[in-house]
Amino acid sequence: MQSIFFDRPTLIPHTNKPSSPATHSFVTSPDLVVAMITAGSLHFNPLTDKLKDKDGNEFLLSPPTGEGLPERGYDPGQDTYQAPPAERASVNVAVSPSSDRLQLLQPFQPWDGKDILDIPILIKAQGKTTTDHISMAGPWLKYRGHLDNISNNMLIGATNAANGEANKVENFTTGEWDAVPATARDYKKKGIKWVVVGDWNYGEGSSREHAALEPRHLGGLAIITRSFARIHETNLKKQGMLPLTFSDPADYDKISPTDKVGTPPRRSCIDTNPSIG
């Protein structure tokens, strides 16, 4: 349900949904959502306020009923747990090299200790960029076990500030326009690190870990935004991507998609804060 409450649009979903900073959002029970929709007002109190039927007769909504928990408990199901062997080094997980849905993960290359300058901007994302814009769901989910294949959906839903289009960026080495993942792969092949510039609340939505894995896999170094969604920022850190924010959010408007950037002195950051090393 959406309405105007005080000075902002207001949502009362029964599940957690992303919303704008300019929107009130109150997660509540399905029962209360139905009551509010039936009354058509956020000021409605289903415990005390009455509604009218088609004949003008007043009535109160009946309190919701039902079992909080199954009377006989939950079906425990079949115990299929297999304890790992004591000697795990001898275990070999066999995955077909021709599989397009499964792929063994390889460790990412560690930082070489050198700071990097003149880094191209792969894309300056404009407006809302959710984890679904960064790593789309739908038919792509069948590749969740194959990082290289699912990386072909990286940022294909993000709007490029350079042209107002999705999945079309300029390769600074060739001058050609191509899909975001294809351009990232070309940079990676040439040994060129890249960054993404993002808008407000970058990475909002689901806690999709592939939205952080894919940029690292395709050679990304940092994501620079006005602000991050909290969980996505954490996921980026876990994958070794630098989540950076502008000290002044207005600086986002000063950056051109064709600019080059440099990373902050990461060694000094680690020396002063060992927890990020």
C-alpha atoms as a PDB file:
ATOM      1  CA  MET A   1       0.000   0.000   0.000  1.00  0.00           C
ATOM      2  CA  GLN A   2       1.219   3.520  -0.802  1.00  0.00           C
ATOM      3  CA  SER A   3      -0.201   6.747   0.570  1.00  0.00           C
ATOM      4  CA  ILE A   4       0.799  10.227   1.712  1.00  0.00           C
ATOM      5  CA  PHE A   5       1.617  10.395   5.414  1.00  0.00           C
ATOM      6  CA  PHE A   6       2.835  13.690   6.811  1.00  0.00           C
ATOM      7  CA  ASP A   7       5.015  15.180   4.062  1.00  0.00           C
ATOM      8  CA  ARG A   8       6.189  12.050   2.234  1.00  0.00           C
ATOM      9  CA  PRO A   9       4.870   9.106   0.227  1.00  0.00           C
ATOM     10  CA  THR A  10       4.481   6.175   2.624  1.00  0.00           C
ATOM     11  CA  LEU A  11       4.728   2.424   2.052  1.00  0.00           C
ATOM     12  CA  ILE A  12       3.524  -0.283   4.443  1.00  0.00           C
ATOM     13  CA  PRO A  13       4.772  -3.525   2.863  1.00  0.00           C
ATOM     14  CA  HIS A  14       4.634  -6.881   4.642  1.00  0.00           C
ATOM     15  CA  THR A  15       8.150  -7.710   3.388  1.00  0.00           C
ATOM     16  CA  ASN A  16      11.261  -5.589   3.266  1.00  0.00           C
ATOM     17  CA  LYS A  17      11.296  -3.537   0.055  1.00  0.00           C
ATOM     18  CA  PRO A  18      13.839  -0.947  -1.131  1.00  0.00           C
ATOM     19  CA  SER A  19      12.575   2.602  -1.023  1.00  0.00           C
ATOM     20  CA  SER A  20      13.796   6.125  -1.633  1.00  0.00           C
ATOM     21  CA  PRO A  21      15.232   8.242   1.211  1.00  0.00           C
ATOM     22  CA  ALA A  22      12.289  10.565   0.491  1.00  0.00           C
ATOM     23  CA  THR A  23       9.789   7.801   1.315  1.00  0.00           C
ATOM     24  CA  HIS A  24       8.514   6.508   4.654  1.00  0.00           C
ATOM     25  CA  SER A  25       8.499   2.705   4.778  1.00  0.00           C
ATOM     26  CA  PHE A  26       7.040   0.704   7.678  1.00  0.00           C
ATOM     27  CA  VAL A  27       7.295  -3.087   7.455  1.00  0.00           C
ATOM     28  CA  THR A  28       4.299  -4.698   9.122  1.00  0.00           C
ATOM     29  CA  SER A  29       2.247  -7.907   9.185  1.00  0.00           C
ATOM     30  CA  PRO A  30       0.083  -9.059   6.263  1.00  0.00           C
ATOM     31  CA  ASP A  31      -2.960  -8.724   8.548  1.00  0.00           C
ATOM     32  CA  LEU A  32      -2.312  -5.044   9.205  1.00  0.00           C
ATOM     33  CA  VAL A  33      -1.553  -4.361   5.539  1.00  0.00           C
ATOM     34  CA  VAL A  34      -4.946  -5.854   4.580  1.00  0.00           C
ATOM     35  CA  ALA A  35      -6.689  -3.785   7.272  1.00  0.00           C
ATOM     36  CA  MET A  36      -5.084  -0.548   6.031  1.00  0.00           C
ATOM     37  CA  ILE A  37      -5.931  -1.337   2.412  1.00  0.00           C
ATOM     38  CA  THR A  38      -9.529  -2.132   3.350  1.00  0.00           C
ATOM     39  CA  ALA A  39      -9.870   1.143   5.271  1.00  0.00           C
ATOM     40  CA  GLY A  40      -7.898   3.158   2.715  1.00  0.00           C
ATOM     41  CA  SER A  41      -6.216   5.232   5.399  1.00  0.00           C
ATOM     42  CA  LEU A  42      -2.984   5.048   7.375  1.00  0.00           C
ATOM     43  CA  HIS A  43      -4.790   6.647  10.305  1.00  0.00           C
ATOM     44  CA  PHE A  44      -7.080   3.611  10.657  1.00  0.00           C
ATOM     45  CA  ASN A  45      -6.874   1.663  13.943  1.00  0.00           C
ATOM     46  CA  PRO A  46      -8.387  -1.802  13.370  1.00  0.00           C
ATOM     47  CA  LEU A  47      -8.827  -2.316  17.116  1.00  0.00           C
ATOM     48  CA  THR A  48     -11.152   0.647  17.637  1.00  0.00           C
ATOM     49  CA  ASP A  49     -12.170   2.194  14.309  1.00  0.00           C
ATOM     50  CA  LYS A  50     -15.260   1.028  12.493  1.00  0.00           C
ATOM     51  CA  LEU A  51     -15.910   0.616   8.774  1.00  0.00           C
ATOM     52  CA  LYS A  52     -19.196   0.824   6.887  1.00  0.00           C
ATOM     53  CA  ASP A  53     -20.682  -1.840   4.628  1.00  0.00           C
ATOM     54  CA  LYS A  54     -22.539  -1.127   1.379  1.00  0.00           C
ATOM     55  CA  ASP A  55     -25.725  -0.367   3.348  1.00  0.00           C
ATOM     56  CA  GLY A  56     -24.024   2.099   5.663  1.00  0.00           C
ATOM     57  CA  ASN A  57     -23.931  -0.234   8.651  1.00  0.00           C
ATOM     58  CA  GLU A  58     -20.881   0.083  10.847  1.00  0.00           C
ATOM     59  CA  PHE A  59     -18.773  -2.924  11.769  1.00  0.00           C
ATOM     60  CA  LEU A  60     -15.402  -3.769  13.312  1.00  0.00           C
ATOM     61  CA  LEU A  61     -12.872  -6.018  11.618  1.00  0.00           C
ATOM     62  CA  SER A  62     -12.526  -9.371  13.344  1.00  0.00           C
ATOM     63  CA  PRO A  63      -9.113  -9.978  14.898  1.00  0.00           C
ATOM     64  CA  PRO A  64      -6.930 -12.312  12.809  1.00  0.00           C
ATOM     65  CA  THR A  65      -6.923 -15.954  13.915  1.00  0.00           C
ATOM     66  CA  GLY A  66      -4.778 -18.945  13.197  1.00  0.00           C
ATOM     67  CA  GLU A  67      -2.085 -21.150  14.650  1.00  0.00           C
ATOM     68  CA  GLY A  68       1.143 -19.394  15.489  1.00  0.00           C
ATOM     69  CA  LEU A  69       2.939 -22.738  15.335  1.00  0.00           C
ATOM     70  CA  PRO A  70       1.842 -26.176  14.080  1.00  0.00           C
ATOM     71  CA  GLU A  71       0.163 -28.125  16.859  1.00  0.00           C
ATOM     72  CA  ARG A  72       2.291 -31.214  16.190  1.00  0.00           C
ATOM     73  CA  GLY A  73       5.458 -29.293  15.377  1.00  0.00           C
ATOM     74  CA  TYR A  74       7.339 -29.266  12.093  1.00  0.00           C
ATOM     75  CA  ASP A  75       8.287 -32.278  10.019  1.00  0.00           C
ATOM     76  CA  PRO A  76      12.010 -32.756  10.705  1.00  0.00           C
ATOM     77  CA  GLY A  77      12.521 -34.183   7.238  1.00  0.00           C
ATOM     78  CA  GLN A  78      15.206 -36.679   6.335  1.00  0.00           C
ATOM     79  CA  ASP A  79      18.625 -36.309   7.930  1.00  0.00           C
ATOM     80  CA  THR A  80      20.987 -36.220   4.942  1.00  0.00           C
ATOM     81  CA  TYR A  81      23.932 -34.497   6.616  1.00  0.00           C
ATOM     82  CA  GLN A  82      27.299 -36.079   5.868  1.00  0.00           C
ATOM     83  CA  ALA A  83      30.147 -35.086   8.131  1.00  0.00           C
ATOM     84  CA  PRO A  84      33.326 -34.081   6.273  1.00  0.00           C
ATOM     85  CA  PRO A  85      36.299 -36.441   6.520  1.00  0.00           C
ATOM     86  CA  ALA A  86      38.888 -35.706   9.176  1.00  0.00           C
ATOM     87  CA  GLU A  87      41.564 -35.385   6.473  1.00  0.00           C
ATOM     88  CA  ARG A  88      40.106 -32.833   4.064  1.00  0.00           C
ATOM     89  CA  ALA A  89      43.229 -32.254   1.966  1.00  0.00           C
ATOM     90  CA  SER A  90      42.571 -35.516   0.130  1.00  0.00           C
ATOM     91  CA  VAL A  91      39.046 -34.506  -0.913  1.00  0.00           C
ATOM     92  CA  ASN A  92      38.724 -33.670  -4.602  1.00  0.00           C
ATOM     93  CA  VAL A  93      35.582 -31.925  -5.859  1.00  0.00           C
ATOM     94  CA  ALA A  94      35.106 -33.012  -9.458  1.00  0.00           C
ATOM     95  CA  VAL A  95      33.474 -30.390 -11.679  1.00  0.00           C
ATOM     96  CA  SER A  96      33.317 -30.869 -15.422  1.00  0.00           C
ATOM     97  CA  PRO A  97      35.427 -28.211 -17.191  1.00  0.00           C
ATOM     98  CA  SER A  98      32.724 -28.014 -19.865  1.00  0.00           C
ATOM     99  CA  SER A  99      29.949 -27.197 -17.376  1.00  0.00           C
ATOM    100  CA  ASP A 100      28.322 -23.815 -17.951  1.00  0.00           C
ATOM    101  CA  ARG A 101      26.595 -23.827 -14.559  1.00  0.00           C
ATOM    102  CA  LEU A 102      29.342 -24.933 -12.159  1.00  0.00           C
ATOM    103  CA  GLN A 103      32.886 -23.626 -11.821  1.00  0.00           C
ATOM    104  CA  LEU A 104      35.457 -24.041  -9.077  1.00  0.00           C
ATOM    105  CA  LEU A 105      36.390 -20.690  -7.588  1.00  0.00           C
ATOM    106  CA  GLN A 106      40.002 -19.607  -7.825  1.00  0.00           C
ATOM    107  CA  PRO A 107      41.568 -17.184  -5.322  1.00  0.00           C
ATOM    108  CA  PHE A 108      41.697 -13.570  -6.453  1.00  0.00           C
ATOM    109  CA  GLN A 109      45.135 -12.098  -6.997  1.00  0.00           C
ATOM    110  CA  PRO A 110      46.314 -10.256  -3.863  1.00  0.00           C
ATOM    111  CA  TRP A 111      47.172  -6.574  -3.930  1.00  0.00           C
ATOM    112  CA  ASP A 112      50.753  -6.047  -5.082  1.00  0.00           C
ATOM    113  CA  GLY A 113      51.305  -3.212  -2.611  1.00  0.00           C
ATOM    114  CA  LYS A 114      51.402  -0.511  -5.284  1.00  0.00           C
ATOM    115  CA  ASP A 115      48.929   2.347  -5.586  1.00  0.00           C
ATOM    116  CA  ILE A 116      47.360   2.827  -8.994  1.00  0.00           C
ATOM    117  CA  LEU A 117      46.846   6.055 -10.935  1.00  0.00           C
ATOM    118  CA  ASP A 118      45.018   6.940 -14.160  1.00  0.00           C
ATOM    119  CA  ILE A 119      42.277   4.342 -13.653  1.00  0.00           C
ATOM    120  CA  PRO A 120      39.429   4.506 -16.184  1.00  0.00           C
ATOM    121  CA  ILE A 121      35.801   4.727 -15.150  1.00  0.00           C
ATOM    122  CA  LEU A 122      34.040   1.674 -16.539  1.00  0.00           C
ATOM    123  CA  ILE A 123      30.649   3.317 -16.043  1.00  0.00           C
ATOM    124  CA  LYS A 124      29.279   6.308 -14.193  1.00  0.00           C
ATOM    125  CA  ALA A 125      25.961   4.910 -13.020  1.00  0.00           C
ATOM    126  CA  GLN A 126      23.166   7.457 -12.843  1.00  0.00           C
ATOM    127  CA  GLY A 127      20.191   7.240 -10.498  1.00  0.00           C
ATOM    128  CA  LYS A 128      19.034   4.134  -8.699  1.00  0.00           C
ATOM    129  CA  THR A 129      21.457   1.220  -9.004  1.00  0.00           C
ATOM    130  CA  THR A 130      20.164  -1.791  -7.090  1.00  0.00           C
ATOM    131  CA  THR A 131      21.839  -5.177  -6.796  1.00  0.00           C
ATOM    132  CA  ASP A 132      19.493  -6.279  -9.585  1.00  0.00           C
ATOM    133  CA  HIS A 133      20.939  -3.583 -11.841  1.00  0.00           C
ATOM    134  CA  ILE A 134      24.426  -4.795 -10.870  1.00  0.00           C
ATOM    135  CA  SER A 135      23.732  -8.529 -11.136  1.00  0.00           C
ATOM    136  CA  MET A 136      20.353  -9.335 -12.661  1.00  0.00           C
ATOM    137  CA  ALA A 137      18.277 -12.264 -11.489  1.00  0.00           C
ATOM    138  CA  GLY A 138      15.765 -14.137 -13.670  1.00  0.00           C
ATOM    139  CA  PRO A 139      17.388 -16.530 -16.170  1.00  0.00           C
ATOM    140  CA  TRP A 140      20.838 -15.492 -14.926  1.00  0.00           C
ATOM    141  CA  LEU A 141      20.347 -17.310 -11.631  1.00  0.00           C
ATOM    142  CA  LYS A 142      21.110 -20.659 -13.272  1.00  0.00           C
ATOM    143  CA  TYR A 143      24.728 -19.471 -13.489  1.00  0.00           C
ATOM    144  CA  ARG A 144      25.098 -18.723  -9.772  1.00  0.00           C
ATOM    145  CA  GLY A 145      27.577 -21.588  -9.503  1.00  0.00           C
ATOM    146  CA  HIS A 146      29.675 -20.311 -12.441  1.00  0.00           C
ATOM    147  CA  LEU A 147      31.211 -16.942 -11.627  1.00  0.00           C
ATOM    148  CA  ASP A 148      32.617 -16.298 -15.083  1.00  0.00           C
ATOM    149  CA  ASN A 149      29.318 -16.930 -16.862  1.00  0.00           C
ATOM    150  CA  ILE A 150      27.127 -14.986 -14.457  1.00  0.00           C
ATOM    151  CA  SER A 151      29.578 -12.083 -14.724  1.00  0.00           C
ATOM    152  CA  ASN A 152      28.179 -11.509 -18.211  1.00  0.00           C
ATOM    153  CA  ASN A 153      25.277  -9.741 -16.482  1.00  0.00           C
ATOM    154  CA  MET A 154      27.447  -7.305 -14.520  1.00  0.00           C
ATOM    155  CA  LEU A 155      25.908  -3.813 -14.449  1.00  0.00           C
ATOM    156  CA  ILE A 156      23.859  -4.438 -17.593  1.00  0.00           C
ATOM    157  CA  GLY A 157      20.866  -2.765 -15.909  1.00  0.00           C
ATOM    158  CA  ALA A 158      22.694   0.359 -14.729  1.00  0.00           C
ATOM    159  CA  THR A 159      22.022   3.632 -16.556  1.00  0.00           C
ATOM    160  CA  ASN A 160      25.164   5.160 -18.045  1.00  0.00           C
ATOM    161  CA  ALA A 161      25.351   8.881 -17.229  1.00  0.00           C
ATOM    162  CA  ALA A 162      27.276   9.418 -20.476  1.00  0.00           C
ATOM    163  CA  ASN A 163      24.374   8.516 -22.751  1.00  0.00           C
ATOM    164  CA  GLY A 164      21.334   7.721 -20.594  1.00  0.00           C
ATOM    165  CA  GLU A 165      21.387   4.117 -21.827  1.00  0.00           C
ATOM    166  CA  ALA A 166      21.865   0.785 -20.105  1.00  0.00           C
ATOM    167  CA  ASN A 167      24.633  -1.668 -20.971  1.00  0.00           C
ATOM    168  CA  LYS A 168      26.418   0.651 -23.405  1.00  0.00           C
ATOM    169  CA  VAL A 169      29.771   2.136 -22.402  1.00  0.00           C
ATOM    170  CA  GLU A 170      32.752   3.508 -24.270  1.00  0.00           C
ATOM    171  CA  ASN A 171      36.010   1.538 -24.251  1.00  0.00           C
ATOM    172  CA  PHE A 172      38.666   4.225 -23.763  1.00  0.00           C
ATOM    173  CA  THR A 173      41.352   2.063 -25.414  1.00  0.00           C
ATOM    174  CA  THR A 174      39.441   1.603 -28.684  1.00  0.00           C
ATOM    175  CA  GLY A 175      36.841   4.372 -28.690  1.00  0.00           C
ATOM    176  CA  GLU A 176      34.179   1.757 -29.410  1.00  0.00           C
ATOM    177  CA  TRP A 177      30.880   1.385 -27.531  1.00  0.00           C
ATOM    178  CA  ASP A 178      30.117  -2.047 -26.146  1.00  0.00           C
ATOM    179  CA  ALA A 179      28.325  -3.893 -23.344  1.00  0.00           C
ATOM    180  CA  VAL A 180      29.580  -3.252 -19.815  1.00  0.00           C
ATOM    181  CA  PRO A 181      30.812  -6.830 -19.165  1.00  0.00           C
ATOM    182  CA  ALA A 182      32.539  -7.017 -22.569  1.00  0.00           C
ATOM    183  CA  THR A 183      34.364  -3.733 -21.925  1.00  0.00           C
ATOM    184  CA  ALA A 184      35.413  -4.878 -18.450  1.00  0.00           C
ATOM    185  CA  ARG A 185      36.724  -8.133 -19.899  1.00  0.00           C
ATOM    186  CA  ASP A 186      38.739  -6.224 -22.502  1.00  0.00           C
ATOM    187  CA  TYR A 187      40.304  -4.059 -19.793  1.00  0.00           C
ATOM    188  CA  LYS A 188      41.087  -7.161 -17.720  1.00  0.00           C
ATOM    189  CA  LYS A 189      42.738  -8.845 -20.706  1.00  0.00           C
ATOM    190  CA  LYS A 190      44.900  -5.742 -21.172  1.00  0.00           C
ATOM    191  CA  GLY A 191      45.797  -5.611 -17.467  1.00  0.00           C
ATOM    192  CA  ILE A 192      43.846  -2.383 -16.874  1.00  0.00           C
ATOM    193  CA  LYS A 193      42.102  -1.931 -13.530  1.00  0.00           C
ATOM    194  CA  TRP A 194      38.865   0.073 -13.534  1.00  0.00           C
ATOM    195  CA  VAL A 195      36.388   1.714 -11.167  1.00  0.00           C
ATOM    196  CA  VAL A 196      32.645   2.368 -11.103  1.00  0.00           C
ATOM    197  CA  VAL A 197      31.158   5.700 -10.056  1.00  0.00           C
ATOM    198  CA  GLY A 198      27.721   5.409  -8.460  1.00  0.00           C
ATOM    199  CA  ASP A 199      24.886   7.585  -7.200  1.00  0.00           C
ATOM    200  CA  TRP A 200      22.947   7.534  -3.913  1.00  0.00           C
ATOM    201  CA  ASN A 201      22.374   4.278  -1.972  1.00  0.00           C
ATOM    202  CA  TYR A 202      24.320   2.226  -4.500  1.00  0.00           C
ATOM    203  CA  GLY A 203      23.640  -1.508  -4.163  1.00  0.00           C
ATOM    204  CA  GLU A 204      20.255  -1.279  -2.433  1.00  0.00           C
ATOM    205  CA  GLY A 205      17.875  -4.213  -2.643  1.00  0.00           C
ATOM    206  CA  SER A 206      18.727  -7.839  -1.980  1.00  0.00           C
ATOM    207  CA  SER A 207      22.002  -8.887  -0.379  1.00  0.00           C
ATOM    208  CA  ARG A 208      23.092 -10.532  -3.654  1.00  0.00           C
ATOM    209  CA  GLU A 209      26.743 -11.455  -3.140  1.00  0.00           C
ATOM    210  CA  HIS A 210      27.391 -11.834  -6.874  1.00  0.00           C
ATOM    211  CA  ALA A 211      26.934  -8.061  -7.176  1.00  0.00           C
ATOM    212  CA  ALA A 212      30.243  -7.786  -5.313  1.00  0.00           C
ATOM    213  CA  LEU A 213      31.937 -10.906  -6.717  1.00  0.00           C
ATOM    214  CA  GLU A 214      31.483  -9.991 -10.371  1.00  0.00           C
ATOM    215  CA  PRO A 215      33.259  -6.600 -10.329  1.00  0.00           C
ATOM    216  CA  ARG A 216      36.248  -8.171  -8.565  1.00  0.00           C
ATOM    217  CA  HIS A 217      36.302 -11.097 -10.992  1.00  0.00           C
ATOM    218  CA  LEU A 218      36.288  -8.800 -14.036  1.00  0.00           C
ATOM    219  CA  GLY A 219      39.178  -6.692 -12.811  1.00  0.00           C
ATOM    220  CA  GLY A 220      37.477  -3.914 -10.848  1.00  0.00           C
ATOM    221  CA  LEU A 221      39.358  -2.069  -8.146  1.00  0.00           C
ATOM    222  CA  ALA A 222      36.907   0.315  -6.468  1.00  0.00           C
ATOM    223  CA  ILE A 223      33.311   1.514  -6.403  1.00  0.00           C
ATOM    224  CA  ILE A 224      33.040   5.266  -5.705  1.00  0.00           C
ATOM    225  CA  THR A 225      29.595   6.562  -4.774  1.00  0.00           C
ATOM    226  CA  ARG A 226      27.594   9.280  -3.079  1.00  0.00           C
ATOM    227  CA  SER A 227      26.468   6.598  -0.597  1.00  0.00           C
ATOM    228  CA  PHE A 228      26.166   2.803  -0.276  1.00  0.00           C
ATOM    229  CA  ALA A 229      23.504   0.417   0.865  1.00  0.00           C
ATOM    230  CA  ARG A 230      25.007  -1.065   4.022  1.00  0.00           C
ATOM    231  CA  ILE A 231      24.988  -4.771   3.108  1.00  0.00           C
ATOM    232  CA  HIS A 232      26.404  -4.208  -0.374  1.00  0.00           C
ATOM    233  CA  GLU A 233      29.223  -2.097   1.058  1.00  0.00           C
ATOM    234  CA  THR A 234      30.075  -4.967   3.420  1.00  0.00           C
ATOM    235  CA  ASN A 235      29.995  -7.504   0.575  1.00  0.00           C
ATOM    236  CA  LEU A 236      32.391  -5.383  -1.488  1.00  0.00           C
ATOM    237  CA  LYS A 237      34.858  -5.292   1.394  1.00  0.00           C
ATOM    238  CA  LYS A 238      34.660  -9.076   1.749  1.00  0.00           C
ATOM    239  CA  GLN A 239      35.652  -9.499  -1.915  1.00  0.00           C
ATOM    240  CA  GLY A 240      38.535  -7.049  -1.744  1.00  0.00           C
ATOM    241  CA  MET A 241      36.800  -4.239  -3.638  1.00  0.00           C
ATOM    242  CA  LEU A 242      37.330  -0.721  -2.286  1.00  0.00           C
ATOM    243  CA  PRO A 243      33.956   0.874  -1.405  1.00  0.00           C
ATOM    244  CA  LEU A 244      34.663   4.611  -1.404  1.00  0.00           C
ATOM    245  CA  THR A 245      32.321   7.551  -0.906  1.00  0.00           C
ATOM    246  CA  PHE A 246      32.732  11.172  -1.884  1.00  0.00           C
ATOM    247  CA  SER A 247      33.567  13.409   1.076  1.00  0.00           C
ATOM    248  CA  ASP A 248      31.174  15.848  -0.614  1.00  0.00           C
ATOM    249  CA  PRO A 249      28.330  14.057  -2.460  1.00  0.00           C
ATOM    250  CA  ALA A 250      28.149  16.980  -4.892  1.00  0.00           C
ATOM    251  CA  ASP A 251      31.527  15.873  -6.290  1.00  0.00           C
ATOM    252  CA  TYR A 252      29.646  13.135  -8.144  1.00  0.00           C
ATOM    253  CA  ASP A 253      28.432  15.810 -10.559  1.00  0.00           C
ATOM    254  CA  LYS A 254      31.982  17.028 -11.194  1.00  0.00           C
ATOM    255  CA  ILE A 255      33.197  13.689 -12.560  1.00  0.00           C
ATOM    256  CA  SER A 256      32.936  12.942 -16.271  1.00  0.00           C
ATOM    257  CA  PRO A 257      32.602   9.312 -17.399  1.00  0.00           C
ATOM    258  CA  THR A 258      35.773   9.824 -19.457  1.00  0.00           C
ATOM    259  CA  ASP A 259      37.872  11.022 -16.494  1.00  0.00           C
ATOM    260  CA  LYS A 260      40.664   8.966 -14.935  1.00  0.00           C
ATOM    261  CA  VAL A 261      40.986   8.539 -11.186  1.00  0.00           C
ATOM    262  CA  GLY A 262      43.602   7.342  -8.710  1.00  0.00           C
ATOM    263  CA  THR A 263      43.241   5.274  -5.579  1.00  0.00           C
ATOM    264  CA  PRO A 264      44.087   6.736  -2.165  1.00  0.00           C
ATOM    265  CA  PRO A 265      47.389   5.542  -0.628  1.00  0.00           C
ATOM    266  CA  ARG A 266      46.143   2.161   0.501  1.00  0.00           C
ATOM    267  CA  ARG A 267      49.271   1.252   2.439  1.00  0.00           C
ATOM    268  CA  SER A 268      48.824   4.262   4.713  1.00  0.00           C
ATOM    269  CA  CYS A 269      45.167   3.297   5.189  1.00  0.00           C
ATOM    270  CA  ILE A 270      46.180  -0.214   6.239  1.00  0.00           C
ATOM    271  CA  ASP A 271      48.976   1.001   8.505  1.00  0.00           C
ATOM    272  CA  THR A 272      46.559   3.244  10.382  1.00  0.00           C
ATOM    273  CA  ASN A 273      43.706   0.722  10.380  1.00  0.00           C
ATOM    274  CA  PRO A 274      45.035  -2.896  10.349  1.00  0.00           C
ATOM    275  CA  SER A 275      41.471  -4.274  10.287  1.00  0.00           C
ATOM    276  CA  ILE A 276      41.192  -3.440   6.580  1.00  0.00           C
ATOM    277  CA  GLY A 277      44.443  -5.107   5.574  1.00  0.00           C
END
